[in-house]
N, C-alpha and C. Protein backbone atom coordinates (compact mmCIF):
# COMPACT_ATOMS: atom_id res chain seq x y z
N UNK A 1 -12.42 -51.87 31.30
CA UNK A 1 -13.57 -51.42 30.52
C UNK A 1 -14.15 -50.14 31.12
N UNK A 2 -14.13 -50.05 32.42
CA UNK A 2 -14.69 -48.86 33.06
C UNK A 2 -13.88 -47.62 32.68
N UNK A 3 -12.57 -47.73 32.71
CA UNK A 3 -11.72 -46.59 32.39
C UNK A 3 -11.74 -46.29 30.89
N UNK A 4 -12.00 -47.29 30.07
CA UNK A 4 -11.99 -47.09 28.62
C UNK A 4 -13.34 -46.61 28.09
N UNK A 5 -14.35 -46.51 28.93
CA UNK A 5 -15.68 -46.13 28.47
C UNK A 5 -15.62 -44.83 27.67
N UNK A 6 -16.21 -44.86 26.48
CA UNK A 6 -16.20 -43.70 25.61
C UNK A 6 -14.93 -43.58 24.78
N UNK A 7 -13.99 -44.50 24.98
CA UNK A 7 -12.72 -44.44 24.27
C UNK A 7 -12.36 -45.77 23.65
N UNK A 8 -11.09 -46.11 23.75
CA UNK A 8 -10.58 -47.32 23.11
C UNK A 8 -9.82 -48.15 24.12
N UNK A 9 -10.04 -49.46 24.08
CA UNK A 9 -9.33 -50.40 24.94
C UNK A 9 -8.46 -51.28 24.05
N UNK A 10 -7.15 -51.32 24.35
CA UNK A 10 -6.21 -52.13 23.58
C UNK A 10 -5.97 -53.44 24.31
N UNK A 11 -6.25 -54.55 23.64
CA UNK A 11 -6.04 -55.88 24.20
C UNK A 11 -4.91 -56.54 23.41
N UNK A 12 -3.73 -56.61 24.03
CA UNK A 12 -2.57 -57.19 23.36
C UNK A 12 -2.56 -58.70 23.58
N UNK A 13 -2.03 -59.42 22.60
CA UNK A 13 -1.92 -60.88 22.67
C UNK A 13 -3.28 -61.54 22.96
N UNK A 14 -4.30 -61.09 22.25
CA UNK A 14 -5.66 -61.62 22.43
C UNK A 14 -5.72 -63.11 22.15
N UNK A 15 -4.83 -63.62 21.30
CA UNK A 15 -4.81 -65.04 20.97
C UNK A 15 -4.37 -65.92 22.12
N UNK A 16 -3.80 -65.33 23.17
CA UNK A 16 -3.35 -66.09 24.34
C UNK A 16 -4.43 -66.17 25.42
N UNK A 17 -5.55 -65.50 25.22
CA UNK A 17 -6.60 -65.45 26.22
C UNK A 17 -7.25 -66.82 26.41
N UNK A 18 -7.34 -67.32 27.63
CA UNK A 18 -8.00 -68.62 27.86
C UNK A 18 -9.46 -68.59 27.40
N UNK A 19 -9.96 -69.74 27.00
CA UNK A 19 -11.33 -69.83 26.48
C UNK A 19 -12.37 -69.29 27.47
N UNK A 20 -12.19 -69.57 28.76
CA UNK A 20 -13.15 -69.10 29.76
C UNK A 20 -13.20 -67.56 29.80
N UNK A 21 -12.05 -66.95 29.66
CA UNK A 21 -12.00 -65.49 29.66
C UNK A 21 -12.52 -64.93 28.35
N UNK A 22 -12.33 -65.67 27.26
CA UNK A 22 -12.88 -65.25 25.97
C UNK A 22 -14.40 -65.15 26.06
N UNK A 23 -15.02 -66.08 26.75
CA UNK A 23 -16.48 -66.06 26.90
C UNK A 23 -16.92 -64.81 27.66
N UNK A 24 -16.18 -64.44 28.69
CA UNK A 24 -16.52 -63.24 29.47
C UNK A 24 -16.32 -61.98 28.63
N UNK A 25 -15.24 -61.96 27.84
CA UNK A 25 -15.01 -60.81 26.97
C UNK A 25 -16.12 -60.69 25.94
N UNK A 26 -16.51 -61.79 25.36
CA UNK A 26 -17.59 -61.78 24.37
C UNK A 26 -18.87 -61.23 24.98
N UNK A 27 -19.16 -61.63 26.21
CA UNK A 27 -20.37 -61.15 26.89
C UNK A 27 -20.32 -59.63 27.06
N UNK A 28 -19.17 -59.10 27.46
CA UNK A 28 -19.04 -57.66 27.62
C UNK A 28 -19.24 -56.95 26.28
N UNK A 29 -18.66 -57.50 25.23
CA UNK A 29 -18.79 -56.88 23.92
C UNK A 29 -20.23 -56.90 23.42
N UNK A 30 -20.93 -57.99 23.70
CA UNK A 30 -22.31 -58.11 23.23
C UNK A 30 -23.28 -57.30 24.09
N UNK A 31 -23.14 -57.40 25.39
CA UNK A 31 -24.09 -56.77 26.30
C UNK A 31 -23.74 -55.34 26.66
N UNK A 32 -22.48 -54.95 26.41
CA UNK A 32 -21.99 -53.61 26.76
C UNK A 32 -22.15 -53.31 28.24
N UNK A 33 -21.90 -54.34 29.05
CA UNK A 33 -21.91 -54.18 30.49
C UNK A 33 -21.08 -55.30 31.13
N UNK A 34 -20.64 -55.05 32.34
CA UNK A 34 -19.81 -56.02 33.05
C UNK A 34 -20.07 -55.87 34.53
N UNK A 35 -19.58 -56.85 35.27
CA UNK A 35 -19.64 -56.81 36.73
C UNK A 35 -18.22 -56.71 37.24
N UNK A 36 -17.99 -55.75 38.14
CA UNK A 36 -16.65 -55.60 38.72
C UNK A 36 -16.29 -56.86 39.50
N UNK A 37 -15.00 -57.15 39.59
CA UNK A 37 -14.54 -58.28 40.40
C UNK A 37 -15.02 -58.06 41.83
N UNK A 38 -15.70 -59.04 42.37
CA UNK A 38 -16.24 -58.94 43.73
C UNK A 38 -17.52 -58.15 43.83
N UNK A 39 -17.98 -57.61 42.71
CA UNK A 39 -19.19 -56.80 42.72
C UNK A 39 -20.42 -57.59 42.32
N UNK A 40 -21.55 -56.91 42.37
CA UNK A 40 -22.82 -57.54 42.00
C UNK A 40 -23.58 -56.71 40.97
N UNK A 41 -23.29 -55.42 40.93
CA UNK A 41 -24.02 -54.53 40.03
C UNK A 41 -23.41 -54.57 38.63
N UNK A 42 -24.28 -54.47 37.64
CA UNK A 42 -23.83 -54.38 36.26
C UNK A 42 -23.38 -52.95 35.97
N UNK A 43 -22.24 -52.81 35.34
CA UNK A 43 -21.68 -51.51 35.00
C UNK A 43 -21.72 -51.36 33.48
N UNK A 44 -22.40 -50.33 32.98
CA UNK A 44 -22.45 -50.16 31.53
C UNK A 44 -21.11 -49.66 31.00
N UNK A 45 -20.80 -50.06 29.78
CA UNK A 45 -19.58 -49.60 29.12
C UNK A 45 -19.80 -49.54 27.62
N UNK A 46 -19.10 -48.66 27.01
CA UNK A 46 -19.15 -48.55 25.56
C UNK A 46 -17.78 -48.07 25.11
N UNK A 47 -17.00 -48.96 24.52
CA UNK A 47 -15.67 -48.59 24.05
C UNK A 47 -15.32 -49.39 22.80
N UNK A 48 -14.41 -48.82 22.04
CA UNK A 48 -13.88 -49.54 20.88
C UNK A 48 -12.82 -50.50 21.39
N UNK A 49 -12.67 -51.61 20.70
CA UNK A 49 -11.65 -52.59 21.05
C UNK A 49 -10.64 -52.65 19.91
N UNK A 50 -9.38 -52.53 20.28
CA UNK A 50 -8.28 -52.79 19.34
C UNK A 50 -7.55 -53.98 19.93
N UNK A 51 -7.44 -55.05 19.17
CA UNK A 51 -6.81 -56.27 19.66
C UNK A 51 -5.64 -56.64 18.75
N UNK A 52 -4.60 -57.18 19.37
CA UNK A 52 -3.42 -57.59 18.62
C UNK A 52 -3.03 -59.01 19.00
N UNK A 53 -2.48 -59.71 18.04
CA UNK A 53 -1.99 -61.06 18.29
C UNK A 53 -0.98 -61.43 17.21
N UNK A 54 -0.15 -62.39 17.52
CA UNK A 54 0.77 -62.91 16.50
C UNK A 54 0.25 -64.23 15.95
N UNK A 55 -0.94 -64.62 16.38
CA UNK A 55 -1.53 -65.88 15.93
C UNK A 55 -2.52 -65.63 14.80
N UNK A 56 -2.76 -66.66 14.02
CA UNK A 56 -3.79 -66.63 12.99
C UNK A 56 -5.10 -67.04 13.66
N UNK A 57 -5.90 -66.06 14.07
CA UNK A 57 -7.10 -66.35 14.86
C UNK A 57 -8.11 -67.21 14.11
N UNK A 58 -8.18 -67.09 12.81
CA UNK A 58 -9.10 -67.92 12.05
C UNK A 58 -8.72 -69.40 12.19
N UNK A 59 -7.42 -69.68 12.11
CA UNK A 59 -6.95 -71.06 12.32
C UNK A 59 -7.17 -71.51 13.76
N UNK A 60 -6.91 -70.61 14.70
CA UNK A 60 -7.11 -70.94 16.11
C UNK A 60 -8.58 -71.25 16.39
N UNK A 61 -9.48 -70.50 15.76
CA UNK A 61 -10.91 -70.74 15.93
C UNK A 61 -11.29 -72.09 15.32
N UNK A 62 -10.78 -72.39 14.14
CA UNK A 62 -11.06 -73.67 13.50
C UNK A 62 -10.57 -74.85 14.33
N UNK A 63 -9.47 -74.65 15.03
CA UNK A 63 -8.89 -75.71 15.86
C UNK A 63 -9.52 -75.75 17.25
N UNK A 64 -10.45 -74.84 17.55
CA UNK A 64 -11.11 -74.84 18.85
C UNK A 64 -10.32 -74.17 19.96
N UNK A 65 -9.27 -73.44 19.59
CA UNK A 65 -8.45 -72.76 20.61
C UNK A 65 -8.83 -71.30 20.80
N UNK A 66 -9.72 -70.81 19.95
CA UNK A 66 -10.22 -69.44 20.07
C UNK A 66 -11.69 -69.46 19.68
N UNK A 67 -12.49 -68.77 20.45
CA UNK A 67 -13.94 -68.78 20.19
C UNK A 67 -14.23 -68.13 18.84
N UNK A 68 -14.95 -68.87 17.99
CA UNK A 68 -15.27 -68.37 16.67
C UNK A 68 -16.16 -67.13 16.75
N UNK A 69 -17.11 -67.13 17.67
CA UNK A 69 -18.00 -65.97 17.79
C UNK A 69 -17.23 -64.72 18.23
N UNK A 70 -16.24 -64.88 19.09
CA UNK A 70 -15.41 -63.76 19.49
C UNK A 70 -14.53 -63.30 18.32
N UNK A 71 -14.01 -64.26 17.58
CA UNK A 71 -13.20 -63.93 16.40
C UNK A 71 -13.99 -63.04 15.45
N UNK A 72 -15.23 -63.41 15.14
CA UNK A 72 -16.03 -62.62 14.21
C UNK A 72 -16.45 -61.29 14.82
N UNK A 73 -16.62 -61.24 16.12
CA UNK A 73 -16.96 -59.98 16.80
C UNK A 73 -15.79 -58.99 16.70
N UNK A 74 -14.56 -59.50 16.82
CA UNK A 74 -13.37 -58.65 16.79
C UNK A 74 -12.95 -58.29 15.37
N UNK A 75 -13.34 -59.11 14.40
CA UNK A 75 -12.86 -58.96 13.01
C UNK A 75 -13.70 -57.92 12.25
N UNK A 76 -13.62 -56.69 12.69
CA UNK A 76 -14.32 -55.61 12.00
C UNK A 76 -13.38 -54.97 10.98
N UNK A 77 -12.23 -54.54 11.45
CA UNK A 77 -11.17 -54.00 10.59
C UNK A 77 -9.91 -54.77 10.94
N UNK A 78 -9.30 -55.41 9.96
CA UNK A 78 -8.11 -56.22 10.19
C UNK A 78 -6.92 -55.54 9.52
N UNK A 79 -5.89 -55.33 10.30
CA UNK A 79 -4.63 -54.81 9.78
C UNK A 79 -3.59 -55.91 9.95
N UNK A 80 -3.10 -56.41 8.85
CA UNK A 80 -2.10 -57.47 8.90
C UNK A 80 -0.72 -56.83 8.79
N UNK A 81 0.02 -56.84 9.88
CA UNK A 81 1.36 -56.28 9.90
C UNK A 81 2.34 -57.45 9.89
N UNK A 82 3.09 -57.60 8.81
CA UNK A 82 4.04 -58.72 8.73
C UNK A 82 5.10 -58.60 9.82
N UNK A 83 5.71 -59.72 10.18
CA UNK A 83 6.78 -59.67 11.19
C UNK A 83 7.95 -58.84 10.68
N UNK A 84 8.74 -58.34 11.60
CA UNK A 84 9.85 -57.47 11.26
C UNK A 84 10.83 -58.14 10.30
N UNK A 85 11.01 -59.45 10.42
CA UNK A 85 11.94 -60.15 9.53
C UNK A 85 11.48 -60.09 8.07
N UNK A 86 10.19 -59.80 7.84
CA UNK A 86 9.67 -59.71 6.48
C UNK A 86 9.58 -58.27 5.98
N UNK A 87 10.02 -57.33 6.78
CA UNK A 87 10.00 -55.92 6.37
C UNK A 87 11.25 -55.21 6.89
N UNK A 88 12.36 -55.76 6.49
CA UNK A 88 13.67 -55.27 6.95
C UNK A 88 13.92 -53.81 6.57
N UNK A 89 13.24 -53.33 5.56
CA UNK A 89 13.42 -51.93 5.17
C UNK A 89 12.94 -50.96 6.25
N UNK A 90 12.13 -51.45 7.19
CA UNK A 90 11.66 -50.62 8.30
C UNK A 90 12.69 -50.49 9.41
N UNK A 91 13.67 -51.36 9.44
CA UNK A 91 14.63 -51.39 10.56
C UNK A 91 15.37 -50.07 10.73
N UNK A 92 15.95 -49.47 9.69
CA UNK A 92 16.65 -48.20 9.92
C UNK A 92 15.75 -47.11 10.50
N UNK A 93 14.51 -47.02 10.02
CA UNK A 93 13.58 -46.02 10.55
C UNK A 93 13.22 -46.30 12.00
N UNK A 94 12.98 -47.57 12.30
CA UNK A 94 12.66 -47.93 13.68
C UNK A 94 13.84 -47.68 14.61
N UNK A 95 15.05 -47.99 14.15
CA UNK A 95 16.24 -47.74 14.96
C UNK A 95 16.34 -46.25 15.28
N UNK A 96 16.19 -45.41 14.27
CA UNK A 96 16.26 -43.96 14.48
C UNK A 96 15.19 -43.50 15.47
N UNK A 97 13.97 -44.00 15.30
CA UNK A 97 12.88 -43.63 16.20
C UNK A 97 13.19 -44.04 17.63
N UNK A 98 13.66 -45.28 17.82
CA UNK A 98 13.95 -45.76 19.17
C UNK A 98 15.13 -45.03 19.80
N UNK A 99 16.16 -44.75 19.03
CA UNK A 99 17.30 -43.98 19.57
C UNK A 99 16.81 -42.62 20.07
N UNK A 100 16.03 -41.93 19.26
CA UNK A 100 15.52 -40.62 19.66
C UNK A 100 14.64 -40.70 20.91
N UNK A 101 13.77 -41.68 20.93
CA UNK A 101 12.86 -41.82 22.08
C UNK A 101 13.61 -42.18 23.36
N UNK A 102 14.55 -43.09 23.26
CA UNK A 102 15.30 -43.52 24.45
C UNK A 102 16.21 -42.40 24.93
N UNK A 103 16.81 -41.66 24.00
CA UNK A 103 17.59 -40.48 24.38
C UNK A 103 16.74 -39.50 25.19
N UNK A 104 15.54 -39.23 24.70
CA UNK A 104 14.66 -38.28 25.39
C UNK A 104 14.24 -38.79 26.76
N UNK A 105 13.96 -40.07 26.85
CA UNK A 105 13.52 -40.65 28.13
C UNK A 105 14.62 -40.63 29.18
N UNK A 106 15.83 -40.95 28.76
CA UNK A 106 16.93 -41.13 29.71
C UNK A 106 17.96 -40.02 29.68
N UNK A 107 17.72 -38.98 28.89
CA UNK A 107 18.64 -37.84 28.78
C UNK A 107 20.03 -38.25 28.28
N UNK A 108 20.08 -39.14 27.29
CA UNK A 108 21.33 -39.54 26.66
C UNK A 108 21.52 -38.73 25.38
N UNK A 109 22.68 -38.84 24.79
CA UNK A 109 22.96 -38.11 23.56
C UNK A 109 23.59 -39.04 22.51
N UNK A 110 22.99 -40.19 22.31
CA UNK A 110 23.44 -41.12 21.27
C UNK A 110 22.79 -40.68 19.97
N UNK A 111 23.59 -40.61 18.90
CA UNK A 111 23.08 -40.08 17.63
C UNK A 111 22.64 -41.15 16.65
N UNK A 112 23.01 -42.40 16.90
CA UNK A 112 22.59 -43.45 15.98
C UNK A 112 23.44 -44.69 16.15
N UNK A 113 23.42 -45.53 15.12
CA UNK A 113 24.19 -46.77 15.15
C UNK A 113 25.19 -46.76 14.00
N UNK A 114 26.28 -47.48 14.18
CA UNK A 114 27.29 -47.56 13.12
C UNK A 114 26.75 -48.37 11.95
N UNK A 115 27.30 -48.19 10.76
CA UNK A 115 26.87 -48.99 9.61
C UNK A 115 26.99 -50.50 9.87
N UNK A 116 28.07 -50.92 10.56
CA UNK A 116 28.24 -52.34 10.88
C UNK A 116 27.12 -52.83 11.80
N UNK A 117 26.79 -52.02 12.79
CA UNK A 117 25.72 -52.39 13.73
C UNK A 117 24.38 -52.46 13.00
N UNK A 118 24.13 -51.49 12.12
CA UNK A 118 22.88 -51.48 11.37
C UNK A 118 22.79 -52.71 10.46
N UNK A 119 23.91 -53.09 9.88
CA UNK A 119 23.94 -54.29 9.04
C UNK A 119 23.60 -55.53 9.85
N UNK A 120 24.14 -55.60 11.06
CA UNK A 120 23.83 -56.74 11.93
C UNK A 120 22.34 -56.75 12.30
N UNK A 121 21.81 -55.58 12.59
CA UNK A 121 20.39 -55.48 12.96
C UNK A 121 19.50 -55.89 11.78
N UNK A 122 19.92 -55.55 10.58
CA UNK A 122 19.12 -55.84 9.39
C UNK A 122 19.11 -57.32 9.03
N UNK A 123 20.07 -58.08 9.50
CA UNK A 123 20.13 -59.51 9.14
C UNK A 123 19.59 -60.42 10.23
N UNK A 124 19.25 -59.87 11.35
CA UNK A 124 18.76 -60.68 12.48
C UNK A 124 17.34 -61.19 12.20
N UNK A 125 16.98 -62.32 12.78
CA UNK A 125 15.66 -62.93 12.54
C UNK A 125 14.53 -62.22 13.28
N UNK A 126 14.79 -61.59 14.39
CA UNK A 126 13.83 -60.85 15.20
C UNK A 126 12.60 -61.67 15.61
N UNK A 127 12.81 -62.77 16.34
CA UNK A 127 11.66 -63.53 16.80
C UNK A 127 10.77 -62.73 17.76
N UNK A 128 11.34 -61.75 18.43
CA UNK A 128 10.56 -60.91 19.34
C UNK A 128 10.00 -59.67 18.67
N UNK A 129 10.18 -59.58 17.36
CA UNK A 129 9.64 -58.50 16.55
C UNK A 129 10.13 -57.13 16.99
N UNK A 130 9.28 -56.11 16.85
CA UNK A 130 9.67 -54.73 17.10
C UNK A 130 10.04 -54.51 18.56
N UNK A 131 9.37 -55.20 19.48
CA UNK A 131 9.71 -55.06 20.90
C UNK A 131 11.15 -55.50 21.16
N UNK A 132 11.57 -56.56 20.51
CA UNK A 132 12.93 -57.03 20.68
C UNK A 132 13.92 -56.00 20.13
N UNK A 133 13.61 -55.44 18.96
CA UNK A 133 14.47 -54.41 18.39
C UNK A 133 14.56 -53.22 19.35
N UNK A 134 13.45 -52.81 19.89
CA UNK A 134 13.45 -51.69 20.84
C UNK A 134 14.36 -51.98 22.04
N UNK A 135 14.27 -53.19 22.57
CA UNK A 135 15.10 -53.55 23.72
C UNK A 135 16.58 -53.56 23.35
N UNK A 136 16.92 -54.05 22.16
CA UNK A 136 18.31 -54.07 21.72
C UNK A 136 18.83 -52.63 21.59
N UNK A 137 18.02 -51.76 21.04
CA UNK A 137 18.44 -50.36 20.89
C UNK A 137 18.54 -49.69 22.25
N UNK A 138 17.62 -49.95 23.15
CA UNK A 138 17.71 -49.36 24.49
C UNK A 138 18.99 -49.81 25.19
N UNK A 139 19.29 -51.09 25.07
CA UNK A 139 20.53 -51.61 25.64
C UNK A 139 21.73 -50.88 25.05
N UNK A 140 21.72 -50.71 23.73
CA UNK A 140 22.83 -50.03 23.07
C UNK A 140 22.98 -48.59 23.50
N UNK A 141 21.88 -47.88 23.62
CA UNK A 141 21.92 -46.47 24.05
C UNK A 141 22.45 -46.38 25.48
N UNK A 142 21.94 -47.22 26.35
CA UNK A 142 22.33 -47.16 27.76
C UNK A 142 23.80 -47.54 27.95
N UNK A 143 24.29 -48.51 27.21
CA UNK A 143 25.65 -49.00 27.39
C UNK A 143 26.69 -48.28 26.53
N UNK A 144 26.24 -47.49 25.58
CA UNK A 144 27.17 -46.82 24.68
C UNK A 144 28.02 -45.80 25.45
N UNK A 145 29.31 -45.79 25.13
CA UNK A 145 30.21 -44.82 25.76
C UNK A 145 30.49 -43.64 24.84
N UNK A 146 29.91 -43.67 23.67
CA UNK A 146 30.11 -42.59 22.71
C UNK A 146 28.80 -42.24 22.03
N UNK A 147 28.88 -41.41 20.99
CA UNK A 147 27.65 -40.97 20.34
C UNK A 147 27.04 -41.98 19.36
N UNK A 148 27.77 -43.05 19.07
CA UNK A 148 27.30 -44.04 18.09
C UNK A 148 27.30 -45.43 18.75
N UNK A 149 26.23 -46.17 18.53
CA UNK A 149 26.15 -47.55 19.02
C UNK A 149 26.94 -48.42 18.04
N UNK A 150 27.97 -49.06 18.53
CA UNK A 150 28.80 -49.92 17.69
C UNK A 150 28.28 -51.34 17.64
N UNK A 151 28.85 -52.12 16.73
CA UNK A 151 28.41 -53.52 16.58
C UNK A 151 28.70 -54.35 17.82
N UNK A 152 29.64 -53.89 18.67
CA UNK A 152 29.93 -54.61 19.91
C UNK A 152 28.76 -54.58 20.88
N UNK A 153 27.83 -53.65 20.68
CA UNK A 153 26.66 -53.55 21.56
C UNK A 153 25.41 -54.20 20.96
N UNK A 154 25.57 -54.83 19.80
CA UNK A 154 24.45 -55.54 19.17
C UNK A 154 24.63 -57.03 19.44
N UNK A 155 23.71 -57.60 20.20
CA UNK A 155 23.86 -59.04 20.52
C UNK A 155 23.72 -59.92 19.29
């Protein structure tokens, strides 16, 4: 919160936060101040919160697994992004993006994936969503011996 003051703090997997920590987060959001670990002084903060989860927080709140007051505090603007398995048309674009990014990071020269490999990627269930796709593409780029990732490199 201290480093995010005046900016934005991204909280990933907010639905996994234990209830005790949810209470502390709610306090910071309401009071706009916190105490450093081991500290005694209150530190003011003012930042936007962007939170992500794969859980249905409204259901989690109804079941008592997520604080309802925190849920309503966070629910200012909701963007519902369906899982990758429900938007397979995004896979070719994401593959291209990841190939380009991984090439730039690691100084590789892979140009893309074969049609067979792309077909395999498009039919996969993707329980790990976009992160899983990114890891599969990184593996393919790193292990590829040529300019195209073949289906042999798609798990």
